[in-house]
Amino acid sequence: MKIFVTGGAGFIGSNYVRRVFATTDDSVTVYDDLTYAGNLSTMADLEDAGFLYQPHTSAGRVPTAAAYRFFAQEIASQATITAVDREWIQREMGGATSAAEITERAGHVLAEVSNGLGIIVSPPLGKTVLEHARMWLLPDGRVVVVLISPGGNTRDKILRPNRLFTQGELDATADFLNRHYSGWTLEAIRSDLLQKLATERERYEGMAQSALTLCDPAVLGDESTLHVHVQGTAQMIGATEFVDQAQLRDLLAAIEEKHRLVTVLNACIETPEPVHVQIGVKGISEAGENLALIGAAYTRNDMVQGSLGVLGPTRMHYERAMTAVAYVAQLFSEALSKT
C-alpha cells in the first residue's frame, strides 16, 4: 500500500512515518510545508543515528537493520497478541490430531503472519522421545532400526554394526528398550546406559552395550534426515527486496538445502529470550541482509524439543509476527504434549 503523509516532518507526522516503516512494507511519501512545526532535522537525526539511509540520491530514506532491531527490542516486552489473531490461530490449529497435521497448520499460520516463510524444525535426534523401537536383520548383516515417537512420528536408519547380531538379539534389545525406556529421550537413554555400565557392568554389559550400539544418537544422527517443514516460499519470490535475481536464486537454494535454516533457527533455543529476533540473517545467503528471523523453542512435557519461526523481509509487521510466533509455539507445545 502507498501512504501519503502531510506534515510528515513535524513531531507527530515523523513519529507516524517511523512506525509505518518499522511495522509494514508500505511505501510512504511525505509532504510538508516546513512552516513553524515542520523540521527536516527530525529525519536527519535518524540518519545520523544510523536508523535511516538513502540508497541513492533520487530515492527516499529507508530504515536500516539497526532501526528494525531497535524497534523490535522496544516492543518485545510489551507486545500483546490481538484478540483477532488469537482466535484465528486457535481456529487454524484446532482439531489437529497428529504431529504431522499440527506441523502443517503451524507452518501455514507462520507463513501468513510474516508474508514469508513459516518454518518448523523437528527435534534433534538426541531429543527424540522413544515410544517404541523395532529392529530387523538384513541378509548382509546390516540392521534396520526404527524408532517410533509419540504421535506416530518415525525415524529409521540402516546401520552396519561393528559386530554381527542375530534376529533374536535384536528382538531382545528392542524389548529391553521398550520395557525400560519408553518415554525417554535418546540422549537420556544413552546417559543412563553409560551409568549402568559404569556401576553395574556385570549385570548390564551385554544388553546395555547392544542398546548403545544400535540407539546411540551419534550413530543414528544424519543431517540429511533432519525434518524441516517450510511453507510460504512463493511469497518470498514475490518480495520487493529480492529484485536481484542472483540473490533470489541463492536464497531459494538455501531454502531447498534446509540445513542453513536449521542452523539459524535452532540458535533461538540457546537464547534466554522466549522469542528471538535477528535482523539480517547472513548465515543463510547473501540476500540474508534483507531478511529478519523471529523464532521460538517449543516443548513437549516441558522439555525443549525443537524450534519454529518465521523468516521474512525486514519490513514486516514485527509486533504481529513476534506475538504470533510466541502463541503458535505455546499451542504447538500443548498439542505435542497431548499426542
C-alpha atoms as a PDB file:
ATOM      1  CA  MET A   1       0.000   0.000   0.000  1.00  0.00           C
ATOM      2  CA  LYS A   2       1.149   3.568  -0.708  1.00  0.00           C
ATOM      3  CA  ILE A   3       0.667   6.135   2.073  1.00  0.00           C
ATOM      4  CA  PHE A   4       0.759   9.912   1.598  1.00  0.00           C
ATOM      5  CA  VAL A   5       1.531  11.826   4.827  1.00  0.00           C
ATOM      6  CA  THR A   6       1.012  15.566   5.113  1.00  0.00           C
ATOM      7  CA  GLY A   7       3.016  17.267   7.828  1.00  0.00           C
ATOM      8  CA  GLY A   8       5.441  14.355   7.883  1.00  0.00           C
ATOM      9  CA  ALA A   9       8.387  16.479   9.034  1.00  0.00           C
ATOM     10  CA  GLY A  10       6.643  17.526  12.259  1.00  0.00           C
ATOM     11  CA  PHE A  11       6.783  15.732  15.608  1.00  0.00           C
ATOM     12  CA  ILE A  12       3.575  13.701  15.201  1.00  0.00           C
ATOM     13  CA  GLY A  13       3.965  13.106  11.488  1.00  0.00           C
ATOM     14  CA  SER A  14       7.577  11.964  11.695  1.00  0.00           C
ATOM     15  CA  ASN A  15       6.783   9.527  14.514  1.00  0.00           C
ATOM     16  CA  TYR A  16       3.918   8.115  12.472  1.00  0.00           C
ATOM     17  CA  VAL A  17       6.238   7.658   9.498  1.00  0.00           C
ATOM     18  CA  ARG A  18       8.762   5.859  11.689  1.00  0.00           C
ATOM     19  CA  ARG A  19       6.139   3.424  12.900  1.00  0.00           C
ATOM     20  CA  VAL A  20       4.880   2.722   9.374  1.00  0.00           C
ATOM     21  CA  PHE A  21       8.431   1.980   8.230  1.00  0.00           C
ATOM     22  CA  ALA A  22       9.094  -0.320  11.147  1.00  0.00           C
ATOM     23  CA  THR A  23       5.863  -2.323  11.106  1.00  0.00           C
ATOM     24  CA  THR A  24       4.748  -2.566   7.468  1.00  0.00           C
ATOM     25  CA  ASP A  25       6.073  -2.902   3.953  1.00  0.00           C
ATOM     26  CA  ASP A  26       4.073   0.152   2.823  1.00  0.00           C
ATOM     27  CA  SER A  27       5.766   2.938   0.874  1.00  0.00           C
ATOM     28  CA  VAL A  28       5.439   6.453   2.290  1.00  0.00           C
ATOM     29  CA  THR A  29       5.531   9.845   0.593  1.00  0.00           C
ATOM     30  CA  VAL A  30       5.948  12.812   2.954  1.00  0.00           C
ATOM     31  CA  TYR A  31       4.663  16.299   2.131  1.00  0.00           C
ATOM     32  CA  ASP A  32       5.366  19.204   4.474  1.00  0.00           C
ATOM     33  CA  ASP A  33       5.170  22.996   4.027  1.00  0.00           C
ATOM     34  CA  LEU A  34       8.046  23.324   6.536  1.00  0.00           C
ATOM     35  CA  THR A  35       6.236  26.004   8.494  1.00  0.00           C
ATOM     36  CA  TYR A  36       6.751  26.527  12.259  1.00  0.00           C
ATOM     37  CA  ALA A  37       6.169  22.831  13.097  1.00  0.00           C
ATOM     38  CA  GLY A  38       7.996  21.271  10.146  1.00  0.00           C
ATOM     39  CA  ASN A  39      11.631  20.351  10.678  1.00  0.00           C
ATOM     40  CA  LEU A  40      13.664  18.184   8.314  1.00  0.00           C
ATOM     41  CA  SER A  41      16.173  17.598  11.102  1.00  0.00           C
ATOM     42  CA  THR A  42      13.738  15.057  12.587  1.00  0.00           C
ATOM     43  CA  MET A  43      14.677  12.808   9.671  1.00  0.00           C
ATOM     44  CA  ALA A  44      18.323  13.922   9.656  1.00  0.00           C
ATOM     45  CA  ASP A  45      18.675  12.937  13.322  1.00  0.00           C
ATOM     46  CA  LEU A  46      17.537   9.427  12.491  1.00  0.00           C
ATOM     47  CA  GLU A  47      20.012   9.244   9.617  1.00  0.00           C
ATOM     48  CA  ASP A  48      22.870  10.428  11.846  1.00  0.00           C
ATOM     49  CA  ALA A  49      21.936   7.776  14.414  1.00  0.00           C
ATOM     50  CA  GLY A  50      22.184   5.074  11.761  1.00  0.00           C
ATOM     51  CA  PHE A  51      18.443   4.392  11.634  1.00  0.00           C
ATOM     52  CA  LEU A  52      17.805   5.677   8.086  1.00  0.00           C
ATOM     53  CA  TYR A  53      19.797   5.629   4.886  1.00  0.00           C
ATOM     54  CA  GLN A  54      19.329   6.796   1.328  1.00  0.00           C
ATOM     55  CA  PRO A  55      20.067   4.011  -1.226  1.00  0.00           C
ATOM     56  CA  HIS A  56      20.753   6.585  -3.962  1.00  0.00           C
ATOM     57  CA  THR A  57      20.292  10.314  -4.480  1.00  0.00           C
ATOM     58  CA  SER A  58      16.878  10.055  -6.133  1.00  0.00           C
ATOM     59  CA  ALA A  59      15.495   7.673  -3.522  1.00  0.00           C
ATOM     60  CA  GLY A  60      13.793   8.353  -0.232  1.00  0.00           C
ATOM     61  CA  ARG A  61      15.253   7.323   3.098  1.00  0.00           C
ATOM     62  CA  VAL A  62      14.569   3.779   4.292  1.00  0.00           C
ATOM     63  CA  PRO A  63      15.106   2.112   7.687  1.00  0.00           C
ATOM     64  CA  THR A  64      18.377   0.308   8.379  1.00  0.00           C
ATOM     65  CA  ALA A  65      18.814  -3.044  10.130  1.00  0.00           C
ATOM     66  CA  ALA A  66      19.669  -1.069  13.294  1.00  0.00           C
ATOM     67  CA  ALA A  67      16.304   0.701  13.107  1.00  0.00           C
ATOM     68  CA  TYR A  68      14.376  -2.556  12.824  1.00  0.00           C
ATOM     69  CA  ARG A  69      16.460  -4.087  15.621  1.00  0.00           C
ATOM     70  CA  PHE A  70      15.791  -1.101  17.895  1.00  0.00           C
ATOM     71  CA  PHE A  71      12.071  -1.234  17.209  1.00  0.00           C
ATOM     72  CA  ALA A  72      11.877  -4.986  17.846  1.00  0.00           C
ATOM     73  CA  GLN A  73      13.681  -4.585  21.172  1.00  0.00           C
ATOM     74  CA  GLU A  74      11.386  -1.745  22.199  1.00  0.00           C
ATOM     75  CA  ILE A  75       8.163  -3.679  21.615  1.00  0.00           C
ATOM     76  CA  ALA A  76       9.394  -7.114  22.759  1.00  0.00           C
ATOM     77  CA  SER A  77       8.396  -6.679  26.408  1.00  0.00           C
ATOM     78  CA  GLN A  78       5.022  -5.050  25.787  1.00  0.00           C
ATOM     79  CA  ALA A  79       3.725  -6.650  22.588  1.00  0.00           C
ATOM     80  CA  THR A  80       0.396  -8.427  23.061  1.00  0.00           C
ATOM     81  CA  ILE A  81      -1.359 -10.646  20.553  1.00  0.00           C
ATOM     82  CA  THR A  82      -4.643  -9.214  19.294  1.00  0.00           C
ATOM     83  CA  ALA A  83      -7.920 -10.973  20.016  1.00  0.00           C
ATOM     84  CA  VAL A  84      -8.463 -11.378  16.272  1.00  0.00           C
ATOM     85  CA  ASP A  85      -5.112 -13.114  15.760  1.00  0.00           C
ATOM     86  CA  ARG A  86      -5.578 -15.266  18.855  1.00  0.00           C
ATOM     87  CA  GLU A  87      -8.959 -16.538  17.655  1.00  0.00           C
ATOM     88  CA  TRP A  88      -7.700 -17.045  14.088  1.00  0.00           C
ATOM     89  CA  ILE A  89      -4.658 -19.058  15.215  1.00  0.00           C
ATOM     90  CA  GLN A  90      -6.840 -21.160  17.530  1.00  0.00           C
ATOM     91  CA  ARG A  91      -9.174 -21.936  14.624  1.00  0.00           C
ATOM     92  CA  GLU A  92      -6.302 -22.774  12.269  1.00  0.00           C
ATOM     93  CA  MET A  93      -4.552 -25.105  14.708  1.00  0.00           C
ATOM     94  CA  GLY A  94      -7.578 -26.515  16.466  1.00  0.00           C
ATOM     95  CA  GLY A  95      -8.671 -30.048  15.714  1.00  0.00           C
ATOM     96  CA  ALA A  96      -5.291 -31.344  14.559  1.00  0.00           C
ATOM     97  CA  THR A  97      -4.942 -34.961  15.693  1.00  0.00           C
ATOM     98  CA  SER A  98      -1.400 -35.904  14.671  1.00  0.00           C
ATOM     99  CA  ALA A  99       2.055 -34.345  14.883  1.00  0.00           C
ATOM    100  CA  ALA A 100       2.156 -34.078  11.083  1.00  0.00           C
ATOM    101  CA  GLU A 101      -1.150 -32.196  10.959  1.00  0.00           C
ATOM    102  CA  ILE A 102      -0.127 -29.886  13.817  1.00  0.00           C
ATOM    103  CA  THR A 103       3.096 -29.088  11.960  1.00  0.00           C
ATOM    104  CA  GLU A 104       1.269 -28.399   8.683  1.00  0.00           C
ATOM    105  CA  ARG A 105      -1.163 -25.972  10.307  1.00  0.00           C
ATOM    106  CA  ALA A 106       1.512 -24.182  12.324  1.00  0.00           C
ATOM    107  CA  GLY A 107       3.605 -23.650   9.187  1.00  0.00           C
ATOM    108  CA  HIS A 108       0.619 -22.134   7.384  1.00  0.00           C
ATOM    109  CA  VAL A 109      -0.092 -19.689  10.218  1.00  0.00           C
ATOM    110  CA  LEU A 110       3.533 -18.579  10.471  1.00  0.00           C
ATOM    111  CA  ALA A 111       3.808 -18.004   6.718  1.00  0.00           C
ATOM    112  CA  GLU A 112       0.617 -15.943   6.703  1.00  0.00           C
ATOM    113  CA  VAL A 113       1.606 -13.565   9.524  1.00  0.00           C
ATOM    114  CA  SER A 114       5.071 -12.880   8.118  1.00  0.00           C
ATOM    115  CA  ASN A 115       4.428 -12.778   4.357  1.00  0.00           C
ATOM    116  CA  GLY A 116       7.482 -15.009   4.280  1.00  0.00           C
ATOM    117  CA  LEU A 117       8.465 -18.490   5.365  1.00  0.00           C
ATOM    118  CA  GLY A 118       6.901 -20.447   8.198  1.00  0.00           C
ATOM    119  CA  ILE A 119       9.484 -22.952   9.466  1.00  0.00           C
ATOM    120  CA  ILE A 120       9.222 -25.824  11.941  1.00  0.00           C
ATOM    121  CA  VAL A 121      12.356 -27.802  12.779  1.00  0.00           C
ATOM    122  CA  SER A 122      11.864 -31.230  14.305  1.00  0.00           C
ATOM    123  CA  PRO A 123      13.796 -32.130  17.460  1.00  0.00           C
ATOM    124  CA  PRO A 124      17.472 -33.017  17.128  1.00  0.00           C
ATOM    125  CA  LEU A 125      17.724 -36.807  17.147  1.00  0.00           C
ATOM    126  CA  GLY A 126      19.074 -36.887  20.692  1.00  0.00           C
ATOM    127  CA  LYS A 127      15.917 -35.173  21.950  1.00  0.00           C
ATOM    128  CA  THR A 128      13.595 -37.596  20.149  1.00  0.00           C
ATOM    129  CA  VAL A 129      11.273 -39.266  22.659  1.00  0.00           C
ATOM    130  CA  LEU A 130      11.127 -43.034  22.273  1.00  0.00           C
ATOM    131  CA  GLU A 131       7.733 -44.689  22.418  1.00  0.00           C
ATOM    132  CA  HIS A 132       8.599 -47.944  20.684  1.00  0.00           C
ATOM    133  CA  ALA A 133      11.642 -49.451  18.958  1.00  0.00           C
ATOM    134  CA  ARG A 134      11.806 -52.190  16.326  1.00  0.00           C
ATOM    135  CA  MET A 135      14.829 -53.792  14.674  1.00  0.00           C
ATOM    136  CA  TRP A 136      15.338 -56.149  11.751  1.00  0.00           C
ATOM    137  CA  LEU A 137      18.359 -58.071  10.493  1.00  0.00           C
ATOM    138  CA  LEU A 138      19.130 -57.824   6.779  1.00  0.00           C
ATOM    139  CA  PRO A 139      20.730 -60.744   4.872  1.00  0.00           C
ATOM    140  CA  ASP A 140      24.079 -58.927   4.567  1.00  0.00           C
ATOM    141  CA  GLY A 141      24.367 -58.300   8.331  1.00  0.00           C
ATOM    142  CA  ARG A 142      23.109 -54.730   8.339  1.00  0.00           C
ATOM    143  CA  VAL A 143      20.400 -53.745  10.825  1.00  0.00           C
ATOM    144  CA  VAL A 144      17.270 -51.661  10.259  1.00  0.00           C
ATOM    145  CA  VAL A 145      16.447 -49.575  13.358  1.00  0.00           C
ATOM    146  CA  VAL A 146      13.005 -47.936  13.532  1.00  0.00           C
ATOM    147  CA  LEU A 147      12.226 -45.554  16.387  1.00  0.00           C
ATOM    148  CA  ILE A 148       8.602 -44.537  16.870  1.00  0.00           C
ATOM    149  CA  SER A 149       7.820 -41.340  18.812  1.00  0.00           C
ATOM    150  CA  PRO A 150       4.543 -40.176  20.386  1.00  0.00           C
ATOM    151  CA  GLY A 151       2.111 -39.059  17.714  1.00  0.00           C
ATOM    152  CA  GLY A 152       3.319 -41.683  15.246  1.00  0.00           C
ATOM    153  CA  ASN A 153       6.488 -39.927  14.052  1.00  0.00           C
ATOM    154  CA  THR A 154       9.145 -42.407  12.970  1.00  0.00           C
ATOM    155  CA  ARG A 155      12.921 -42.235  12.482  1.00  0.00           C
ATOM    156  CA  ASP A 156      14.637 -45.100  10.699  1.00  0.00           C
ATOM    157  CA  LYS A 157      18.240 -45.872   9.799  1.00  0.00           C
ATOM    158  CA  ILE A 158      20.125 -48.791   8.284  1.00  0.00           C
ATOM    159  CA  LEU A 159      23.277 -49.493  10.301  1.00  0.00           C
ATOM    160  CA  ARG A 160      26.296 -51.706   9.780  1.00  0.00           C
ATOM    161  CA  PRO A 161      27.320 -52.568  13.357  1.00  0.00           C
ATOM    162  CA  ASN A 162      30.901 -53.469  14.206  1.00  0.00           C
ATOM    163  CA  ARG A 163      29.728 -56.972  15.140  1.00  0.00           C
ATOM    164  CA  LEU A 164      27.121 -59.378  13.777  1.00  0.00           C
ATOM    165  CA  PHE A 165      23.737 -59.579  15.506  1.00  0.00           C
ATOM    166  CA  THR A 166      21.150 -62.353  15.338  1.00  0.00           C
ATOM    167  CA  GLN A 167      17.455 -61.519  14.944  1.00  0.00           C
ATOM    168  CA  GLY A 168      16.939 -62.908  18.441  1.00  0.00           C
ATOM    169  CA  GLU A 169      19.464 -60.445  19.870  1.00  0.00           C
ATOM    170  CA  LEU A 170      17.797 -57.567  18.036  1.00  0.00           C
ATOM    171  CA  ASP A 171      14.364 -58.583  19.354  1.00  0.00           C
ATOM    172  CA  ALA A 172      15.754 -58.792  22.906  1.00  0.00           C
ATOM    173  CA  THR A 173      17.426 -55.358  22.590  1.00  0.00           C
ATOM    174  CA  ALA A 174      14.226 -53.751  21.274  1.00  0.00           C
ATOM    175  CA  ASP A 175      12.201 -55.379  24.063  1.00  0.00           C
ATOM    176  CA  PHE A 176      14.699 -54.100  26.670  1.00  0.00           C
ATOM    177  CA  LEU A 177      14.409 -50.537  25.333  1.00  0.00           C
ATOM    178  CA  ASN A 178      10.602 -50.670  25.113  1.00  0.00           C
ATOM    179  CA  ARG A 179      10.197 -52.010  28.673  1.00  0.00           C
ATOM    180  CA  HIS A 180      12.687 -49.744  30.407  1.00  0.00           C
ATOM    181  CA  TYR A 181      12.943 -46.580  28.334  1.00  0.00           C
ATOM    182  CA  SER A 182       9.612 -45.798  26.702  1.00  0.00           C
ATOM    183  CA  GLY A 183       9.016 -42.053  27.183  1.00  0.00           C
ATOM    184  CA  TRP A 184      12.745 -41.231  27.454  1.00  0.00           C
ATOM    185  CA  THR A 185      14.768 -39.166  25.000  1.00  0.00           C
ATOM    186  CA  LEU A 186      17.610 -40.925  23.183  1.00  0.00           C
ATOM    187  CA  GLU A 187      20.229 -38.765  24.878  1.00  0.00           C
ATOM    188  CA  ALA A 188      18.755 -39.593  28.300  1.00  0.00           C
ATOM    189  CA  ILE A 189      18.731 -43.302  27.393  1.00  0.00           C
ATOM    190  CA  ARG A 190      22.380 -43.133  26.366  1.00  0.00           C
ATOM    191  CA  SER A 191      23.348 -41.349  29.596  1.00  0.00           C
ATOM    192  CA  ASP A 192      21.521 -43.914  31.750  1.00  0.00           C
ATOM    193  CA  LEU A 193      23.024 -46.885  29.881  1.00  0.00           C
ATOM    194  CA  LEU A 194      26.528 -45.498  30.297  1.00  0.00           C
ATOM    195  CA  GLN A 195      25.904 -45.034  34.025  1.00  0.00           C
ATOM    196  CA  LYS A 196      24.654 -48.623  34.333  1.00  0.00           C
ATOM    197  CA  LEU A 197      27.765 -49.905  32.555  1.00  0.00           C
ATOM    198  CA  ALA A 198      29.955 -47.893  34.893  1.00  0.00           C
ATOM    199  CA  THR A 199      28.281 -49.073  38.121  1.00  0.00           C
ATOM    200  CA  GLU A 200      26.791 -52.499  37.294  1.00  0.00           C
ATOM    201  CA  ARG A 201      28.819 -53.725  34.335  1.00  0.00           C
ATOM    202  CA  GLU A 202      28.401 -57.462  35.002  1.00  0.00           C
ATOM    203  CA  ARG A 203      24.614 -57.184  35.142  1.00  0.00           C
ATOM    204  CA  TYR A 204      24.073 -54.925  32.147  1.00  0.00           C
ATOM    205  CA  GLU A 205      27.123 -55.310  29.910  1.00  0.00           C
ATOM    206  CA  GLY A 206      25.616 -57.431  27.103  1.00  0.00           C
ATOM    207  CA  MET A 207      22.183 -55.801  26.786  1.00  0.00           C
ATOM    208  CA  ALA A 208      23.269 -52.232  27.555  1.00  0.00           C
ATOM    209  CA  GLN A 209      26.162 -52.428  25.115  1.00  0.00           C
ATOM    210  CA  SER A 210      23.851 -53.701  22.349  1.00  0.00           C
ATOM    211  CA  ALA A 211      21.362 -50.903  23.043  1.00  0.00           C
ATOM    212  CA  LEU A 212      24.138 -48.320  22.949  1.00  0.00           C
ATOM    213  CA  THR A 213      25.437 -49.695  19.674  1.00  0.00           C
ATOM    214  CA  LEU A 214      22.048 -49.586  17.986  1.00  0.00           C
ATOM    215  CA  CYS A 215      20.415 -46.474  19.509  1.00  0.00           C
ATOM    216  CA  ASP A 216      23.249 -44.011  20.086  1.00  0.00           C
ATOM    217  CA  PRO A 217      22.154 -40.616  18.639  1.00  0.00           C
ATOM    218  CA  ALA A 218      25.709 -40.102  17.361  1.00  0.00           C
ATOM    219  CA  VAL A 219      25.395 -43.294  15.305  1.00  0.00           C
ATOM    220  CA  LEU A 220      21.826 -42.719  14.142  1.00  0.00           C
ATOM    221  CA  GLY A 221      22.230 -38.992  13.527  1.00  0.00           C
ATOM    222  CA  ASP A 222      22.439 -37.688   9.994  1.00  0.00           C
ATOM    223  CA  GLU A 223      21.847 -34.112   8.758  1.00  0.00           C
ATOM    224  CA  SER A 224      20.064 -35.497   5.711  1.00  0.00           C
ATOM    225  CA  THR A 225      17.370 -36.978   7.987  1.00  0.00           C
ATOM    226  CA  LEU A 226      16.510 -33.673   9.653  1.00  0.00           C
ATOM    227  CA  HIS A 227      12.801 -32.982   9.389  1.00  0.00           C
ATOM    228  CA  VAL A 228      12.222 -29.378   8.374  1.00  0.00           C
ATOM    229  CA  HIS A 229       8.769 -28.162   7.381  1.00  0.00           C
ATOM    230  CA  VAL A 230       8.753 -24.976   5.274  1.00  0.00           C
ATOM    231  CA  GLN A 231       5.767 -23.060   3.918  1.00  0.00           C
ATOM    232  CA  GLY A 232       5.487 -19.750   2.054  1.00  0.00           C
ATOM    233  CA  THR A 233       8.333 -19.944  -0.467  1.00  0.00           C
ATOM    234  CA  ALA A 234       6.164 -18.373  -3.191  1.00  0.00           C
ATOM    235  CA  GLN A 235       5.708 -15.260  -1.024  1.00  0.00           C
ATOM    236  CA  MET A 236       9.468 -14.797  -0.782  1.00  0.00           C
ATOM    237  CA  ILE A 237       9.802 -14.918  -4.559  1.00  0.00           C
ATOM    238  CA  GLY A 238       7.399 -12.002  -4.897  1.00  0.00           C
ATOM    239  CA  ALA A 239       9.002  -9.799  -2.227  1.00  0.00           C
ATOM    240  CA  THR A 240      10.297  -6.434  -3.489  1.00  0.00           C
ATOM    241  CA  GLU A 241      13.539  -6.886  -1.510  1.00  0.00           C
ATOM    242  CA  PHE A 242      14.679  -9.600  -3.916  1.00  0.00           C
ATOM    243  CA  VAL A 243      14.666  -7.950  -7.330  1.00  0.00           C
ATOM    244  CA  ASP A 244      18.272  -9.124  -7.737  1.00  0.00           C
ATOM    245  CA  GLN A 245      17.785 -12.483  -9.432  1.00  0.00           C
ATOM    246  CA  ALA A 246      21.195 -13.827  -8.382  1.00  0.00           C
ATOM    247  CA  GLN A 247      20.435 -13.165  -4.722  1.00  0.00           C
ATOM    248  CA  LEU A 248      16.992 -14.679  -5.124  1.00  0.00           C
ATOM    249  CA  ARG A 249      18.439 -17.875  -6.644  1.00  0.00           C
ATOM    250  CA  ASP A 250      20.927 -18.106  -3.780  1.00  0.00           C
ATOM    251  CA  LEU A 251      18.142 -17.683  -1.236  1.00  0.00           C
ATOM    252  CA  LEU A 252      15.957 -20.320  -2.881  1.00  0.00           C
ATOM    253  CA  ALA A 253      18.908 -22.724  -2.924  1.00  0.00           C
ATOM    254  CA  ALA A 254      19.385 -22.151   0.814  1.00  0.00           C
ATOM    255  CA  ILE A 255      15.699 -22.826   1.431  1.00  0.00           C
ATOM    256  CA  GLU A 256      15.932 -26.023  -0.607  1.00  0.00           C
ATOM    257  CA  GLU A 257      19.040 -27.231   1.238  1.00  0.00           C
ATOM    258  CA  LYS A 258      17.333 -26.510   4.582  1.00  0.00           C
ATOM    259  CA  HIS A 259      20.353 -27.202   6.802  1.00  0.00           C
ATOM    260  CA  ARG A 260      21.196 -23.483   6.867  1.00  0.00           C
ATOM    261  CA  LEU A 261      17.638 -22.741   8.015  1.00  0.00           C
ATOM    262  CA  VAL A 262      18.054 -25.312  10.781  1.00  0.00           C
ATOM    263  CA  THR A 263      21.305 -23.716  11.971  1.00  0.00           C
ATOM    264  CA  VAL A 264      19.936 -20.179  12.287  1.00  0.00           C
ATOM    265  CA  LEU A 265      16.557 -21.188  13.723  1.00  0.00           C
ATOM    266  CA  ASN A 266      17.916 -23.610  16.307  1.00  0.00           C
ATOM    267  CA  ALA A 267      20.061 -20.758  17.647  1.00  0.00           C
ATOM    268  CA  CYS A 268      16.917 -19.413  19.313  1.00  0.00           C
ATOM    269  CA  ILE A 269      16.899 -22.447  21.632  1.00  0.00           C
ATOM    270  CA  GLU A 270      20.154 -21.243  23.189  1.00  0.00           C
ATOM    271  CA  THR A 271      18.959 -17.691  23.870  1.00  0.00           C
ATOM    272  CA  PRO A 272      17.289 -16.647  27.149  1.00  0.00           C
ATOM    273  CA  GLU A 273      14.510 -14.689  25.420  1.00  0.00           C
ATOM    274  CA  PRO A 274      11.215 -16.537  24.827  1.00  0.00           C
ATOM    275  CA  VAL A 275      11.155 -15.034  21.323  1.00  0.00           C
ATOM    276  CA  HIS A 276      14.426 -14.489  19.476  1.00  0.00           C
ATOM    277  CA  VAL A 277      14.646 -11.737  16.832  1.00  0.00           C
ATOM    278  CA  GLN A 278      17.534 -11.487  14.376  1.00  0.00           C
ATOM    279  CA  ILE A 279      17.652  -8.651  11.851  1.00  0.00           C
ATOM    280  CA  GLY A 280      19.918  -9.514   8.946  1.00  0.00           C
ATOM    281  CA  VAL A 281      20.416 -13.276   8.570  1.00  0.00           C
ATOM    282  CA  LYS A 282      23.655 -13.514   6.616  1.00  0.00           C
ATOM    283  CA  GLY A 283      24.193 -17.127   7.645  1.00  0.00           C
ATOM    284  CA  ILE A 284      21.591 -18.159   5.076  1.00  0.00           C
ATOM    285  CA  SER A 285      22.713 -16.374   1.920  1.00  0.00           C
ATOM    286  CA  GLU A 286      23.885 -13.007   0.576  1.00  0.00           C
ATOM    287  CA  ALA A 287      20.234 -11.991   0.437  1.00  0.00           C
ATOM    288  CA  GLY A 288      20.049 -12.572   4.187  1.00  0.00           C
ATOM    289  CA  GLU A 289      20.867  -8.944   4.973  1.00  0.00           C
ATOM    290  CA  ASN A 290      17.338  -8.136   3.763  1.00  0.00           C
ATOM    291  CA  LEU A 291      15.743 -10.788   5.985  1.00  0.00           C
ATOM    292  CA  ALA A 292      14.513 -10.945   9.555  1.00  0.00           C
ATOM    293  CA  LEU A 293      14.192 -14.109  11.619  1.00  0.00           C
ATOM    294  CA  ILE A 294      11.787 -14.474  14.524  1.00  0.00           C
ATOM    295  CA  GLY A 295      11.967 -17.799  16.322  1.00  0.00           C
ATOM    296  CA  ALA A 296      10.970 -19.612  19.498  1.00  0.00           C
ATOM    297  CA  ALA A 297      11.571 -23.007  21.041  1.00  0.00           C
ATOM    298  CA  TYR A 298       8.722 -25.475  21.508  1.00  0.00           C
ATOM    299  CA  THR A 299       8.454 -28.152  24.168  1.00  0.00           C
ATOM    300  CA  ARG A 300       6.831 -31.486  24.899  1.00  0.00           C
ATOM    301  CA  ASN A 301       6.005 -32.141  28.537  1.00  0.00           C
ATOM    302  CA  ASP A 302       8.187 -29.146  29.493  1.00  0.00           C
ATOM    303  CA  MET A 303      11.249 -30.485  27.649  1.00  0.00           C
ATOM    304  CA  VAL A 304      12.608 -28.406  24.738  1.00  0.00           C
ATOM    305  CA  GLN A 305      12.088 -30.362  21.530  1.00  0.00           C
ATOM    306  CA  GLY A 306      12.817 -28.078  18.594  1.00  0.00           C
ATOM    307  CA  SER A 307      12.222 -24.641  17.164  1.00  0.00           C
ATOM    308  CA  LEU A 308       9.781 -22.805  14.931  1.00  0.00           C
ATOM    309  CA  GLY A 309       9.557 -19.339  13.487  1.00  0.00           C
ATOM    310  CA  VAL A 310       9.294 -17.033  10.525  1.00  0.00           C
ATOM    311  CA  LEU A 311      11.814 -15.787   8.006  1.00  0.00           C
ATOM    312  CA  GLY A 312      10.682 -12.798   6.010  1.00  0.00           C
ATOM    313  CA  PRO A 313      11.587  -9.381   4.603  1.00  0.00           C
ATOM    314  CA  THR A 314      12.911  -6.911   7.164  1.00  0.00           C
ATOM    315  CA  ARG A 315       9.891  -4.747   6.528  1.00  0.00           C
ATOM    316  CA  MET A 316       7.385  -6.970   8.269  1.00  0.00           C
ATOM    317  CA  HIS A 317       4.812  -6.261  10.966  1.00  0.00           C
ATOM    318  CA  TYR A 318       7.105  -7.133  13.899  1.00  0.00           C
ATOM    319  CA  GLU A 319       4.586  -6.841  16.687  1.00  0.00           C
ATOM    320  CA  ARG A 320       2.161  -9.178  14.953  1.00  0.00           C
ATOM    321  CA  ALA A 321       4.867 -11.640  13.883  1.00  0.00           C
ATOM    322  CA  MET A 322       6.514 -11.787  17.322  1.00  0.00           C
ATOM    323  CA  THR A 323       3.285 -12.357  19.222  1.00  0.00           C
ATOM    324  CA  ALA A 324       2.082 -14.909  16.669  1.00  0.00           C
ATOM    325  CA  VAL A 325       5.334 -16.899  16.872  1.00  0.00           C
ATOM    326  CA  ALA A 326       5.099 -16.963  20.679  1.00  0.00           C
ATOM    327  CA  TYR A 327       1.454 -18.071  20.613  1.00  0.00           C
ATOM    328  CA  VAL A 328       1.995 -20.720  17.927  1.00  0.00           C
ATOM    329  CA  ALA A 329       4.928 -22.105  19.949  1.00  0.00           C
ATOM    330  CA  GLN A 330       2.648 -22.298  23.010  1.00  0.00           C
ATOM    331  CA  LEU A 331      -0.184 -24.081  21.162  1.00  0.00           C
ATOM    332  CA  PHE A 332       2.279 -26.327  19.310  1.00  0.00           C
ATOM    333  CA  SER A 333       3.846 -27.372  22.633  1.00  0.00           C
ATOM    334  CA  GLU A 334       0.452 -28.055  24.206  1.00  0.00           C
ATOM    335  CA  ALA A 335      -0.684 -30.121  21.217  1.00  0.00           C
ATOM    336  CA  LEU A 336       2.523 -32.206  21.177  1.00  0.00           C
ATOM    337  CA  SER A 337       2.180 -32.919  24.891  1.00  0.00           C
ATOM    338  CA  LYS A 338      -1.277 -34.374  24.272  1.00  0.00           C
ATOM    339  CA  THR A 339      -0.276 -36.681  21.406  1.00  0.00           C
END
